[in-house]
Each structure stands twice: as structure tokens, then as C-alpha cells.
C-alpha atoms as a PDB file:
ATOM      1  CA  MET A   1      23.161  31.079  -3.421  1.00  0.00           C
ATOM      2  CA  PRO A   2      23.617  27.488  -4.654  1.00  0.00           C
ATOM      3  CA  SER A   3      26.646  26.752  -6.760  1.00  0.00           C
ATOM      4  CA  ALA A   4      26.415  25.548 -10.361  1.00  0.00           C
ATOM      5  CA  HIS A   5      27.485  22.075  -9.247  1.00  0.00           C
ATOM      6  CA  SER A   6      24.940  21.649  -6.447  1.00  0.00           C
ATOM      7  CA  ARG A   7      22.071  19.264  -7.091  1.00  0.00           C
ATOM      8  CA  ARG A   8      18.642  20.794  -7.631  1.00  0.00           C
ATOM      9  CA  TYR A   9      16.172  18.718  -5.614  1.00  0.00           C
ATOM     10  CA  TRP A  10      12.608  18.359  -6.871  1.00  0.00           C
ATOM     11  CA  PHE A  11      11.331  17.591  -3.380  1.00  0.00           C
ATOM     12  CA  PRO A  12      12.854  19.389  -0.369  1.00  0.00           C
ATOM     13  CA  ALA A  13      13.107  17.713   3.002  1.00  0.00           C
ATOM     14  CA  LYS A  14      10.488  18.519   5.600  1.00  0.00           C
ATOM     15  CA  ARG A  15      11.619  20.876   8.352  1.00  0.00           C
ATOM     16  CA  TYR A  16      10.203  18.595  11.068  1.00  0.00           C
ATOM     17  CA  GLY A  17      10.008  14.822  10.865  1.00  0.00           C
ATOM     18  CA  TRP A  18      11.048  12.423   8.143  1.00  0.00           C
ATOM     19  CA  GLY A  19      10.278  12.675   4.442  1.00  0.00           C
ATOM     20  CA  TRP A  20       9.668  15.341   1.835  1.00  0.00           C
ATOM     21  CA  GLY A  21       7.569  18.466   1.677  1.00  0.00           C
ATOM     22  CA  PRO A  22       5.767  20.041  -1.274  1.00  0.00           C
ATOM     23  CA  PRO A  23       7.696  20.090  -4.562  1.00  0.00           C
ATOM     24  CA  ARG A  24      10.223  22.855  -5.179  1.00  0.00           C
ATOM     25  CA  THR A  25      10.463  22.640  -8.987  1.00  0.00           C
ATOM     26  CA  TRP A  26       8.042  22.355 -11.886  1.00  0.00           C
ATOM     27  CA  GLN A  27       9.211  18.763 -12.434  1.00  0.00           C
ATOM     28  CA  GLY A  28       8.179  17.847  -8.903  1.00  0.00           C
ATOM     29  CA  TRP A  29       4.773  19.479  -9.370  1.00  0.00           C
ATOM     30  CA  LEU A  30       4.349  17.600 -12.653  1.00  0.00           C
ATOM     31  CA  VAL A  31       5.151  14.265 -10.980  1.00  0.00           C
ATOM     32  CA  LEU A  32       2.641  15.010  -8.217  1.00  0.00           C
ATOM     33  CA  ALA A  33      -0.062  16.091 -10.707  1.00  0.00           C
ATOM     34  CA  VAL A  34       0.437  12.942 -12.799  1.00  0.00           C
ATOM     35  CA  TYR A  35       0.251  10.817  -9.644  1.00  0.00           C
ATOM     36  CA  PHE A  36      -3.104  12.302  -8.627  1.00  0.00           C
ATOM     37  CA  ALA A  37      -4.445  12.228 -12.188  1.00  0.00           C
ATOM     38  CA  LEU A  38      -3.590   8.526 -12.543  1.00  0.00           C
ATOM     39  CA  MET A  39      -4.946   7.743  -9.087  1.00  0.00           C
ATOM     40  CA  LEU A  40      -8.263   9.496  -9.664  1.00  0.00           C
ATOM     41  CA  GLY A  41      -8.439   8.535 -13.334  1.00  0.00           C
ATOM     42  CA  GLY A  42      -8.201   4.859 -12.465  1.00  0.00           C
ATOM     43  CA  ILE A  43     -11.334   4.905 -10.299  1.00  0.00           C
ATOM     44  CA  PRO A  44     -13.911   4.402 -13.065  1.00  0.00           C
ATOM     45  CA  PHE A  45     -11.823   1.826 -14.922  1.00  0.00           C
ATOM     46  CA  ILE A  46     -10.296  -0.363 -12.231  1.00  0.00           C
ATOM     47  CA  HIS A  47     -12.645   0.043  -9.277  1.00  0.00           C
ATOM     48  CA  ALA A  48     -15.890  -0.566 -11.148  1.00  0.00           C
ATOM     49  CA  SER A  49     -14.796  -3.310 -13.528  1.00  0.00           C
ATOM     50  CA  ILE A  50     -12.344  -5.408 -11.498  1.00  0.00           C
ATOM     51  CA  GLY A  51     -12.984  -4.645  -7.833  1.00  0.00           C
ATOM     52  CA  SER A  52     -11.704  -2.622  -4.931  1.00  0.00           C
ATOM     53  CA  LEU A  53      -8.764  -4.922  -4.165  1.00  0.00           C
ATOM     54  CA  ALA A  54      -7.363  -4.353  -7.659  1.00  0.00           C
ATOM     55  CA  TYR A  55      -7.769  -0.604  -7.227  1.00  0.00           C
ATOM     56  CA  LEU A  56      -5.904  -0.717  -3.916  1.00  0.00           C
ATOM     57  CA  ALA A  57      -3.074  -2.602  -5.630  1.00  0.00           C
ATOM     58  CA  TYR A  58      -3.075   0.020  -8.420  1.00  0.00           C
ATOM     59  CA  VAL A  59      -2.855   2.884  -5.902  1.00  0.00           C
ATOM     60  CA  GLY A  60      -0.126   0.995  -4.031  1.00  0.00           C
ATOM     61  CA  ILE A  61       1.960   0.661  -7.189  1.00  0.00           C
ATOM     62  CA  LEU A  62       1.472   4.356  -7.967  1.00  0.00           C
ATOM     63  CA  SER A  63       2.439   5.295  -4.400  1.00  0.00           C
ATOM     64  CA  VAL A  64       5.577   3.159  -4.421  1.00  0.00           C
ATOM     65  CA  THR A  65       6.540   4.795  -7.725  1.00  0.00           C
ATOM     66  CA  LEU A  66       5.987   8.268  -6.233  1.00  0.00           C
ATOM     67  CA  ILE A  67       8.132   7.388  -3.198  1.00  0.00           C
ATOM     68  CA  ALA A  68      10.877   6.025  -5.473  1.00  0.00           C
ATOM     69  CA  ILE A  69      10.905   9.268  -7.472  1.00  0.00           C
ATOM     70  CA  GLY A  70      11.039  11.239  -4.220  1.00  0.00           C
ATOM     71  CA  TRP A  71      13.940   9.086  -3.049  1.00  0.00           C
ATOM     72  CA  LEU A  72      15.857   9.628  -6.304  1.00  0.00           C
ATOM     73  CA  ARG A  73      15.071  13.301  -6.892  1.00  0.00           C
ATOM     74  CA  GLY A  74      14.496  14.600  -3.350  1.00  0.00           C
ATOM     75  CA  GLU A  75      16.813  15.624  -0.548  1.00  0.00           C
ATOM     76  CA  PRO A  76      18.213  12.654   1.368  1.00  0.00           C
ATOM     77  CA  PRO A  77      15.649  11.647   3.996  1.00  0.00           C
ATOM     78  CA  ARG A  78      16.555  11.771   7.668  1.00  0.00           C
ATOM     79  CA  TRP A  79      14.819  12.821  10.864  1.00  0.00           C
ATOM     80  CA  ARG A  80      14.808  16.608  11.248  1.00  0.00           C
ATOM     81  CA  TRP A  81      14.005  18.847  14.215  1.00  0.00           C
ATOM     82  CA  GLY A  82      13.661  22.253  12.554  1.00  0.00           C
ATOM     83  CA  ASN A  83      16.597  24.602  12.146  1.00  0.00           C
ATOM     84  CA  ARG A  84      18.848  23.106  14.817  1.00  0.00           C
ATOM     85  CA  GLY A  85      22.511  23.337  13.992  1.00  0.00           C
ATOM     86  CA  LYS A  86      22.141  26.207  11.523  1.00  0.00           C
END
């Protein structure tokens, strides 16, 4: 059982590889839902009116923001090989 002082991560580390898995908390799910809503919601406005390059830049900015939130609120990233060492 985690102690009261342990940090509650929104995004747990993947068991294999590098990065984060699906969200663990409602805040993580909210961040992911907002990301997809903004990404899909921008299609009719940015893609049609400005062009596909602008939409790619928009999705890139959203993705960098999502990665930054994962970095701040997720478990520290490192390469993992399953449950070795446990």
C-alpha cells in the first residue's frame, strides 16, 4: 500500500520499453480525452481553412504538450524489461 507521502502518478511507466502506459487516474484520462478532442476538433478549422502543414504543426504542439504533461505527472521514464529485480 502506498504511503501518504508517495507521489500519485497520473501515467504509470510501461512494463516493457520506454515511456508511459494508459493513465492511472481520472486526471490522466481527462488530459488524454482533451488531447484527442482538441486534435480531432481542429480538423475542420485548421485543416480546411489554412492547410495540412498548419494542422501538422497544431498536432505537433498538442503532442509536445501531452509529452510534457506525461513527463511532469508520470513515473520517471527509463528502459524497462518487465518485472526483473522485483
